[in-house]
Amino acid sequence: MKAALCPQPGHLTLVDRPAPGSPPPGWVRLAVSHVGICGTDYHIFEGKHPFLEYPRVMGHELSGTVSESGEGVAIRPGTRVVVNPYLSCGTCHACRRGKPNCCINIKVLGVHTDGALCEEILVPAGNLYPADGLSPEAAATVEFLAIGAHAVRRSQAEAGSRALVIGAGPIGLGTALFSRVAGHRVTLLDASAERLAMAAERFGFTEGILAGDSARAAVLAATEDAGFDVVFDATGHAGSMEAAFSFVGHGGTLVLVSVVKDDIRFSDPEFHKREMTLIGSRNATKVDFEHVMAALRAGDVPVEALVTHRTTLDGLPADLPRWAHEKAGLIKAIVTIREN
């Protein structure tokens, strides 16, 4: 039997479940090492995720070591890996166009199917990327950073562009970091002065705007009344996403990194007179994971500043409920399943 952590809304329970058998052809058995906790996991815990059936083993930000390979798999046991948690069908229209991140039949580990808050998991070998040169903890941050890296790549904004990232949570910070890697001049906007101060202290994002009635004036002051060349909204808040349209300069781009269930409304005349580009960004692809891993190896992304909280599988039933409500100082929490 293997330990796993299954939530019901508002509570977590450690349970035993049968160990997975030998992996089928094209799959591997993975010994899970470290798992990151993200906003989706907090929503699952609180019963707020609209597309999830309980019980569900959470965990989609993970690193591990291959313990057994199925037939036809080249990656060898003992290889430390990063896991792409987006399981695509490979045959739908999106997959055939090279966009498995928005596969029509996508299943995300820890959301549509059981995830990695357990000792072992079976995953397709094609979703594994060797984590050479990365610590197991750093490897567990790759997935959430790839979300931001994908959004920046989708924007096609050139080096030297003035970029505004709205939302200084983990996804927003990841987006800001890879916007900076791309050579953009980055400003953050957030409703929390504490988060803006933390972003300045930990990551050097000294240009910050506090959300509120004066935000529009601050945006104009920061851009000589022109607006930003590219704006990324990573808030998951419909009101913020609607307000973001007014922060984009003429000829600029708005990238919606987060998703909400609400309808998003905007002024068509304002949109058209700017000849604005509106982009949705979903998940990430192999090229984004590889870009993140290269940036981590090069020291362009300070993992030590991102990981603020740590726990174990045994400690998570007590720690996650507290972190769901006590956000002060929290950027990324990591669960150690095993050291390897």
Protein backbone atom coordinates (compact mmCIF):
# COMPACT_ATOMS: atom_id res chain seq x y z
CA MET A 1 0.00 0.00 0.00
CA LYS A 2 1.12 3.57 -0.71
CA ALA A 3 0.26 6.73 1.20
CA ALA A 4 -1.80 9.36 -0.62
CA LEU A 5 -3.56 12.55 0.41
CA CYS A 6 -7.23 12.78 -0.61
CA PRO A 7 -9.29 15.91 0.08
CA GLN A 8 -12.94 16.43 0.69
CA PRO A 9 -13.97 20.10 0.74
CA GLY A 10 -12.44 21.69 3.81
CA HIS A 11 -10.40 18.72 4.90
CA LEU A 12 -7.51 16.48 4.01
CA THR A 13 -7.00 12.83 4.93
CA LEU A 14 -4.01 10.56 4.51
CA VAL A 15 -5.17 7.25 3.07
CA ASP A 16 -3.64 4.04 1.80
CA ARG A 17 -4.18 3.02 -1.78
CA PRO A 18 -2.88 0.04 -3.79
CA ALA A 19 0.57 0.51 -5.26
CA PRO A 20 0.40 0.94 -9.05
CA GLY A 21 1.31 -2.13 -11.05
CA SER A 22 3.91 -2.34 -13.78
CA PRO A 23 3.57 0.60 -16.16
CA PRO A 24 1.88 -0.05 -19.50
CA PRO A 25 3.77 0.49 -22.76
CA GLY A 26 4.85 4.11 -23.10
CA TRP A 27 4.38 4.88 -19.41
CA VAL A 28 6.67 4.95 -16.36
CA ARG A 29 6.29 4.49 -12.64
CA LEU A 30 7.60 7.55 -10.86
CA ALA A 31 8.82 7.83 -7.28
CA VAL A 32 7.52 11.26 -6.33
CA SER A 33 10.07 13.58 -4.74
CA HIS A 34 8.62 17.09 -4.28
CA VAL A 35 5.22 18.63 -5.00
CA GLY A 36 4.34 22.32 -5.20
CA ILE A 37 1.04 23.66 -3.86
CA CYS A 38 -0.74 26.20 -6.06
CA GLY A 39 -3.92 28.24 -6.10
CA THR A 40 -5.80 25.39 -7.78
CA ASP A 41 -4.99 23.13 -4.83
CA TYR A 42 -6.32 25.69 -2.35
CA HIS A 43 -9.51 25.95 -4.41
CA ILE A 44 -9.86 22.16 -4.43
CA PHE A 45 -9.38 22.04 -0.68
CA GLU A 46 -11.99 24.74 -0.14
CA GLY A 47 -14.51 23.04 -2.46
CA LYS A 48 -14.42 25.90 -4.96
CA HIS A 49 -13.15 24.07 -8.04
CA PRO A 50 -16.01 23.83 -10.54
CA PHE A 51 -14.85 20.80 -12.53
CA LEU A 52 -13.61 18.38 -9.88
CA GLU A 53 -15.18 15.26 -8.38
CA TYR A 54 -14.16 14.20 -4.87
CA PRO A 55 -12.26 12.38 -3.56
CA ARG A 56 -9.23 13.39 -5.59
CA VAL A 57 -5.49 13.07 -4.96
CA MET A 58 -4.14 16.58 -5.61
CA GLY A 59 -0.73 17.59 -6.90
CA HIS A 60 0.30 18.67 -10.39
CA GLU A 61 3.59 20.55 -9.75
CA LEU A 62 6.02 17.72 -9.21
CA SER A 63 9.45 16.25 -9.57
CA GLY A 64 10.49 12.64 -9.12
CA THR A 65 12.69 9.76 -10.17
CA VAL A 66 11.79 7.06 -12.67
CA SER A 67 11.61 3.74 -10.84
CA GLU A 68 10.30 1.51 -13.63
CA SER A 69 9.80 1.97 -17.37
CA GLY A 70 7.14 0.37 -19.55
CA GLU A 71 7.79 -1.21 -22.93
CA GLY A 72 9.12 1.15 -25.57
CA VAL A 73 10.30 3.82 -23.10
CA ALA A 74 13.80 5.18 -23.63
CA ILE A 75 14.10 7.05 -20.35
CA ARG A 76 15.85 4.82 -17.83
CA PRO A 77 15.11 4.05 -14.18
CA GLY A 78 17.01 6.35 -11.84
CA THR A 79 16.51 9.41 -14.05
CA ARG A 80 15.36 12.50 -12.15
CA VAL A 81 12.59 14.27 -14.06
CA VAL A 82 10.23 17.21 -14.25
CA VAL A 83 6.64 16.23 -15.05
CA ASN A 84 4.37 17.99 -17.51
CA PRO A 85 0.98 17.32 -15.83
CA TYR A 86 -1.18 18.03 -18.89
CA LEU A 87 -2.21 14.66 -20.31
CA SER A 88 -3.31 15.23 -23.90
CA CYS A 89 -5.00 12.81 -26.27
CA GLY A 90 -2.59 13.36 -29.16
CA THR A 91 -5.31 13.02 -31.80
CA CYS A 92 -7.70 15.99 -31.48
CA HIS A 93 -7.54 19.10 -33.65
CA ALA A 94 -5.48 21.06 -31.10
CA CYS A 95 -2.99 18.22 -30.59
CA ARG A 96 -2.56 17.76 -34.34
CA ARG A 97 -1.76 21.47 -34.58
CA GLY A 98 1.00 21.13 -31.96
CA LYS A 99 -1.05 22.65 -29.13
CA PRO A 100 -1.45 19.81 -26.60
CA ASN A 101 -1.72 22.44 -23.83
CA CYS A 102 -5.28 23.13 -25.00
CA CYS A 103 -6.17 19.58 -26.02
CA ILE A 104 -9.94 19.14 -26.38
CA ASN A 105 -9.75 16.03 -24.17
CA ILE A 106 -7.08 17.26 -21.74
CA LYS A 107 -6.73 15.70 -18.31
CA VAL A 108 -4.62 17.49 -15.72
CA LEU A 109 -2.98 15.48 -12.95
CA GLY A 110 -4.54 16.34 -9.61
CA VAL A 111 -7.64 17.85 -11.22
CA HIS A 112 -9.25 15.51 -13.77
CA THR A 113 -7.29 12.49 -12.59
CA ASP A 114 -5.34 11.64 -9.43
CA GLY A 115 -2.16 13.61 -8.90
CA ALA A 116 1.14 13.42 -7.09
CA LEU A 117 0.50 13.94 -3.36
CA CYS A 118 1.44 10.32 -2.88
CA GLU A 119 4.55 8.14 -2.93
CA GLU A 120 4.30 6.82 -6.51
CA ILE A 121 2.40 7.67 -9.68
CA LEU A 122 2.12 6.32 -13.23
CA VAL A 123 2.64 8.91 -15.99
CA PRO A 124 3.20 8.85 -19.78
CA ALA A 125 6.89 8.94 -20.63
CA GLY A 126 6.27 11.72 -23.14
CA ASN A 127 5.34 14.01 -20.25
CA LEU A 128 8.74 13.67 -18.57
CA TYR A 129 11.74 15.95 -19.06
CA PRO A 130 15.15 15.06 -17.55
CA ALA A 131 15.93 17.44 -14.70
CA ASP A 132 19.71 17.45 -15.16
CA GLY A 133 21.37 20.18 -13.15
CA LEU A 134 18.30 20.96 -11.04
CA SER A 135 17.68 20.14 -7.40
CA PRO A 136 14.51 18.06 -6.76
CA GLU A 137 12.90 21.11 -5.13
CA ALA A 138 13.76 23.40 -8.04
CA ALA A 139 12.41 20.81 -10.46
CA ALA A 140 9.04 20.98 -8.67
CA THR A 141 8.77 24.71 -9.48
CA VAL A 142 9.13 24.27 -13.24
CA GLU A 143 5.44 23.70 -14.01
CA PHE A 144 4.11 26.86 -12.38
CA LEU A 145 6.92 28.94 -13.86
CA ALA A 146 6.15 27.47 -17.29
CA ILE A 147 2.67 29.02 -17.09
CA GLY A 148 4.24 32.48 -17.03
CA ALA A 149 6.90 31.59 -19.57
CA HIS A 150 4.18 30.40 -21.96
CA ALA A 151 2.22 33.63 -21.51
CA VAL A 152 5.31 35.71 -22.27
CA ARG A 153 6.07 33.65 -25.36
CA ARG A 154 2.45 33.98 -26.52
CA SER A 155 2.70 37.77 -26.25
CA GLN A 156 5.51 37.97 -28.85
CA ALA A 157 6.55 41.21 -27.17
CA GLU A 158 10.00 42.34 -28.22
CA ALA A 159 12.92 43.04 -25.92
CA GLY A 160 12.67 46.59 -24.60
CA SER A 161 8.87 46.49 -24.43
CA ARG A 162 7.25 48.07 -21.41
CA ALA A 163 5.34 45.29 -19.64
CA LEU A 164 2.76 45.46 -16.88
CA VAL A 165 2.04 42.30 -14.87
CA ILE A 166 -1.19 42.51 -12.87
CA GLY A 167 -1.20 40.21 -9.86
CA ALA A 168 1.90 39.52 -7.76
CA GLY A 169 0.94 36.00 -6.71
CA PRO A 170 3.00 32.99 -7.79
CA ILE A 171 1.76 32.93 -11.41
CA GLY A 172 2.12 36.69 -11.73
CA LEU A 173 5.63 36.60 -10.31
CA GLY A 174 6.56 33.78 -12.67
CA THR A 175 5.20 35.81 -15.57
CA ALA A 176 7.13 38.88 -14.41
CA LEU A 177 10.35 36.90 -14.07
CA PHE A 178 10.12 35.53 -17.61
CA SER A 179 9.02 38.90 -18.96
CA ARG A 180 12.27 40.22 -17.52
CA VAL A 181 14.20 37.28 -19.00
CA ALA A 182 12.71 38.30 -22.37
CA GLY A 183 14.21 41.77 -21.95
CA HIS A 184 11.04 43.62 -21.03
CA ARG A 185 10.91 46.56 -18.63
CA VAL A 186 8.56 45.15 -16.01
CA THR A 187 6.13 46.93 -13.70
CA LEU A 188 3.90 45.07 -11.23
CA LEU A 189 0.38 46.04 -10.20
CA ASP A 190 -1.29 44.44 -7.19
CA ALA A 191 -3.92 45.18 -4.57
CA SER A 192 -1.47 44.32 -1.76
CA ALA A 193 1.28 46.74 -0.78
CA GLU A 194 2.89 43.87 1.11
CA ARG A 195 3.13 41.76 -2.05
CA LEU A 196 4.60 44.63 -4.03
CA ALA A 197 7.19 45.21 -1.31
CA MET A 198 8.05 41.51 -1.24
CA ALA A 199 8.43 41.47 -5.05
CA ALA A 200 10.81 44.41 -4.82
CA GLU A 201 12.86 42.92 -1.98
CA ARG A 202 13.06 39.34 -3.23
CA PHE A 203 13.12 39.79 -7.01
CA GLY A 204 14.11 43.38 -7.69
CA PHE A 205 10.79 44.51 -9.17
CA THR A 206 11.04 48.03 -7.84
CA GLU A 207 8.43 49.50 -10.21
CA GLY A 208 5.08 48.82 -8.55
CA ILE A 209 1.57 50.25 -8.76
CA LEU A 210 -1.04 49.74 -6.06
CA ALA A 211 -4.44 48.75 -7.43
CA GLY A 212 -7.29 51.15 -6.75
CA ASP A 213 -8.81 54.39 -7.94
CA SER A 214 -5.43 55.95 -8.70
CA ALA A 215 -4.05 52.98 -10.67
CA ARG A 216 -5.02 54.38 -14.07
CA ALA A 217 -3.25 57.67 -13.36
CA ALA A 218 -0.19 55.78 -12.12
CA VAL A 219 -0.12 53.69 -15.32
CA LEU A 220 -0.18 56.82 -17.45
CA ALA A 221 2.51 58.47 -15.32
CA ALA A 222 4.75 55.40 -15.65
CA THR A 223 4.43 55.34 -19.44
CA GLU A 224 4.45 59.04 -20.41
CA ASP A 225 0.68 58.79 -20.95
CA ALA A 226 1.16 56.05 -23.58
CA GLY A 227 0.07 52.91 -21.74
CA PHE A 228 2.02 49.65 -21.68
CA ASP A 229 3.19 47.75 -24.75
CA VAL A 230 2.09 44.46 -23.20
CA VAL A 231 -0.12 43.76 -20.18
CA PHE A 232 -0.41 40.36 -18.48
CA ASP A 233 -3.34 39.78 -16.12
CA ALA A 234 -2.68 36.95 -13.67
CA THR A 235 -5.29 37.79 -11.05
CA GLY A 236 -8.15 35.41 -11.78
CA HIS A 237 -10.48 38.34 -11.08
CA ALA A 238 -13.00 39.47 -13.70
CA GLY A 239 -12.96 43.11 -12.59
CA SER A 240 -9.20 43.27 -12.87
CA MET A 241 -9.27 41.63 -16.29
CA GLU A 242 -11.76 44.19 -17.56
CA ALA A 243 -9.77 47.10 -16.12
CA ALA A 244 -6.61 45.78 -17.78
CA PHE A 245 -7.86 46.84 -21.24
CA SER A 246 -7.42 50.50 -20.30
CA PHE A 247 -3.77 49.95 -19.34
CA VAL A 248 -2.74 48.81 -22.84
CA GLY A 249 -1.15 51.36 -25.14
CA HIS A 250 -2.05 51.88 -28.80
CA GLY A 251 -0.77 48.93 -30.82
CA GLY A 252 -0.30 46.94 -27.60
CA THR A 253 -1.21 43.47 -26.38
CA LEU A 254 -3.24 42.13 -23.47
CA VAL A 255 -2.57 38.56 -22.35
CA LEU A 256 -5.11 36.91 -20.06
CA VAL A 257 -3.00 34.43 -18.11
CA SER A 258 -5.69 33.43 -15.62
CA VAL A 259 -9.22 32.23 -16.30
CA VAL A 260 -12.56 33.00 -14.67
CA LYS A 261 -16.08 31.63 -15.14
CA ASP A 262 -17.49 35.13 -15.68
CA ASP A 263 -18.08 36.90 -18.96
CA ILE A 264 -15.44 39.56 -19.66
CA ARG A 265 -16.74 42.84 -21.13
CA PHE A 266 -14.81 45.67 -22.73
CA SER A 267 -15.39 48.78 -24.82
CA ASP A 268 -15.15 47.90 -28.49
CA PRO A 269 -14.32 51.49 -29.58
CA GLU A 270 -11.45 51.65 -27.08
CA PHE A 271 -10.27 48.20 -28.18
CA HIS A 272 -10.38 49.07 -31.87
CA LYS A 273 -8.83 52.51 -31.71
CA ARG A 274 -5.81 50.92 -30.03
CA GLU A 275 -5.72 48.10 -32.61
CA MET A 276 -5.14 45.98 -29.54
CA THR A 277 -4.21 42.29 -29.61
CA LEU A 278 -6.06 40.12 -27.09
CA ILE A 279 -4.50 36.75 -26.25
CA GLY A 280 -5.60 33.87 -24.06
CA SER A 281 -2.84 31.78 -22.52
CA ARG A 282 -3.47 28.27 -21.20
CA ASN A 283 -1.07 25.86 -19.49
CA ALA A 284 2.32 25.38 -21.19
CA THR A 285 4.12 23.19 -23.71
CA LYS A 286 7.41 21.29 -23.84
CA VAL A 287 9.29 24.30 -25.21
CA ASP A 288 8.16 26.37 -22.22
CA PHE A 289 9.27 23.70 -19.74
CA GLU A 290 12.65 23.53 -21.45
CA HIS A 291 12.97 27.33 -21.39
CA VAL A 292 12.23 27.40 -17.66
CA MET A 293 14.73 24.63 -16.90
CA ALA A 294 17.43 26.46 -18.87
CA ALA A 295 16.67 29.69 -16.99
CA LEU A 296 16.88 27.89 -13.65
CA ARG A 297 20.20 26.30 -14.57
CA ALA A 298 21.54 29.69 -15.66
CA GLY A 299 20.50 31.32 -12.38
CA ASP A 300 18.08 33.71 -14.10
CA VAL A 301 15.25 32.69 -11.73
CA PRO A 302 15.96 32.69 -7.96
CA VAL A 303 14.25 29.53 -6.70
CA GLU A 304 15.42 30.24 -3.15
CA ALA A 305 13.33 33.44 -3.20
CA LEU A 306 10.25 31.70 -4.63
CA VAL A 307 9.97 28.83 -2.13
CA THR A 308 8.78 30.37 1.14
CA HIS A 309 7.00 27.44 2.88
CA ARG A 310 7.84 23.77 3.25
CA THR A 311 6.14 20.72 4.70
CA THR A 312 5.86 16.92 4.36
CA LEU A 313 3.03 14.62 3.30
CA ASP A 314 2.33 13.89 6.97
CA GLY A 315 2.36 17.59 7.85
CA LEU A 316 0.19 18.80 4.98
CA PRO A 317 -3.26 18.03 6.55
CA ALA A 318 -2.43 20.62 9.21
CA ASP A 319 -0.40 23.04 7.08
CA LEU A 320 -2.57 23.41 3.97
CA PRO A 321 -5.73 24.59 5.80
CA ARG A 322 -3.65 27.23 7.57
CA TRP A 323 -1.94 28.39 4.36
CA ALA A 324 -5.32 28.59 2.60
CA HIS A 325 -6.17 31.51 4.88
CA GLU A 326 -2.81 32.85 6.12
CA LYS A 327 -1.25 34.25 2.94
CA ALA A 328 1.19 36.70 4.51
CA GLY A 329 4.69 35.97 3.21
CA LEU A 330 3.48 33.00 1.16
CA ILE A 331 4.66 32.61 -2.43
CA LYS A 332 5.27 28.92 -3.09
CA ALA A 333 4.86 26.01 -0.66
CA ILE A 334 6.63 22.74 -1.40
CA VAL A 335 5.77 19.30 -0.01
CA THR A 336 8.68 16.88 0.38
CA ILE A 337 7.53 13.34 -0.31
CA ARG A 338 11.05 11.89 -0.27
CA GLU A 339 14.56 13.24 -0.57
CA ASN A 340 16.35 11.96 -3.68
